Protein backbone atom coordinates (compact mmCIF):
# COMPACT_ATOMS: atom_id res chain seq x y z
CA MET A 1 21.68 -44.79 -48.40
CA LYS A 2 18.58 -44.24 -49.71
CA LEU A 3 15.14 -45.99 -49.12
CA GLU A 4 12.26 -46.68 -51.91
CA ASN A 5 9.30 -48.67 -52.33
CA ILE A 6 8.98 -49.95 -55.77
CA PHE A 7 4.86 -49.39 -55.57
CA LYS A 8 5.03 -45.80 -54.36
CA GLN A 9 3.16 -43.20 -56.26
CA ILE A 10 2.07 -45.50 -59.14
CA GLU A 11 -1.93 -45.10 -58.29
CA GLY A 12 -4.21 -42.07 -60.59
CA ASN A 13 -5.20 -42.21 -63.96
CA PHE A 14 -2.62 -42.20 -66.97
CA ASN A 15 -2.69 -42.11 -70.25
CA LYS A 16 0.99 -43.84 -70.55
CA GLU A 17 2.74 -45.97 -69.63
CA ILE A 18 5.50 -45.34 -66.65
CA ILE A 19 8.91 -46.08 -66.87
CA ASP A 20 11.23 -45.03 -63.85
CA SER A 21 15.28 -45.86 -63.70
CA ILE A 22 16.01 -47.07 -60.68
CA VAL A 23 20.45 -47.72 -61.34
CA ASN A 24 21.81 -46.65 -64.94
CA SER A 25 25.50 -47.32 -65.18
CA ASP A 26 27.67 -48.48 -68.09
CA ASN A 27 27.17 -52.62 -67.12
CA ILE A 28 23.11 -52.83 -65.61
CA ARG A 29 20.03 -50.70 -65.78
CA ILE A 30 16.81 -51.61 -63.72
CA GLU A 31 13.98 -49.88 -64.13
CA ARG A 32 10.31 -50.07 -62.48
CA ILE A 33 7.60 -50.22 -65.70
CA VAL A 34 3.93 -49.63 -64.87
CA SER A 35 1.01 -50.03 -67.30
CA ARG A 36 -2.81 -50.20 -67.55
CA GLY A 37 -3.63 -51.97 -70.56
CA HIS A 38 -0.61 -50.39 -72.16
CA ILE A 39 0.56 -52.70 -74.98
CA SER A 40 3.09 -52.37 -77.93
CA PRO A 41 1.99 -50.63 -80.97
CA GLU A 42 0.77 -52.60 -83.76
CA GLY A 43 4.34 -53.45 -85.99
CA PHE A 44 6.40 -52.32 -83.04
CA TRP A 45 8.88 -55.48 -82.19
CA TYR A 46 11.34 -54.63 -79.47
CA ASP A 47 15.35 -55.43 -80.22
CA GLN A 48 17.00 -54.68 -77.83
CA GLU A 49 20.75 -54.52 -77.52
CA GLU A 50 20.94 -56.00 -74.17
CA ASN A 51 19.66 -58.93 -72.04
CA GLU A 52 16.40 -58.28 -70.16
CA PHE A 53 15.15 -60.22 -66.82
CA VAL A 54 11.77 -59.21 -66.39
CA LEU A 55 9.70 -59.29 -63.06
CA LEU A 56 5.68 -59.24 -63.29
CA LEU A 57 5.51 -57.73 -59.63
CA GLN A 58 1.46 -57.13 -60.22
CA GLY A 59 -1.12 -57.84 -62.40
CA LYS A 60 -1.20 -59.64 -65.85
CA ALA A 61 0.60 -59.17 -68.83
CA ALA A 62 1.58 -61.23 -72.23
CA LEU A 63 4.24 -61.42 -74.56
CA GLU A 64 4.97 -62.25 -78.07
CA PHE A 65 7.76 -62.92 -79.78
CA ASP A 66 8.67 -63.09 -83.16
CA ASN A 67 8.36 -67.16 -83.22
CA LYS A 68 4.60 -66.23 -82.84
CA ASN A 69 4.75 -67.75 -78.91
CA ILE A 70 2.79 -66.23 -76.47
CA VAL A 71 4.00 -65.79 -72.86
CA HIS A 72 1.07 -64.97 -70.20
CA LEU A 73 2.69 -63.66 -67.19
CA LYS A 74 1.22 -63.11 -63.78
CA ARG A 75 2.27 -61.97 -60.26
CA GLY A 76 5.82 -63.56 -59.22
CA ASP A 77 6.48 -64.73 -62.99
CA TYR A 78 9.68 -63.91 -64.89
CA LEU A 79 11.98 -64.61 -67.91
CA ILE A 80 14.86 -64.11 -69.12
CA ILE A 81 14.76 -62.41 -72.85
CA GLU A 82 18.03 -62.62 -74.62
CA LYS A 83 19.46 -59.47 -76.38
CA HIS A 84 18.03 -59.19 -80.27
CA GLU A 85 14.75 -61.70 -79.79
CA LYS A 86 12.16 -59.48 -80.91
CA HIS A 87 9.27 -59.16 -78.42
CA ARG A 88 6.33 -57.03 -78.05
CA VAL A 89 3.73 -56.37 -75.52
CA ILE A 90 0.19 -57.74 -76.35
CA TYR A 91 -1.40 -57.48 -73.40
CA THR A 92 -1.29 -55.66 -69.74
CA ALA A 93 -4.66 -55.84 -67.72
CA LYS A 94 -6.82 -52.42 -68.17
CA ASN A 95 -8.79 -52.78 -64.58
CA THR A 96 -5.63 -53.12 -62.56
CA LEU A 97 -2.04 -51.76 -62.59
CA THR A 98 0.19 -54.18 -63.89
CA VAL A 99 4.02 -53.59 -62.14
CA TRP A 100 6.90 -54.71 -64.24
CA LEU A 101 10.55 -54.80 -62.72
CA ALA A 102 13.01 -54.99 -66.13
CA VAL A 103 16.85 -55.69 -65.45
CA PHE A 104 18.98 -54.77 -68.52
CA TYR A 105 22.71 -56.54 -68.69
CA GLN A 106 25.15 -57.48 -71.19
């Protein structure tokens, strides 16, 4: 058993989004993602081979889907993104950390 904390070591100034692998197996992948003003590059769409459960633990964010639907997320909001459902991050708060928990599964 190894005790960890989802909010450990996320302070400071960073240029890149932080992606930490928590669990990685054949059936499931769990990641902690920390953003501060990070968004998807212009014209880039995630088109994943896995389903994704995403939970916003802290901060604010917005996702755009290829059907032009925009979902605004605040602390505690979660959604399930089906595999091959194209989406992109169009907003994360610049003045505070946005902490995501992403669970990828088949």
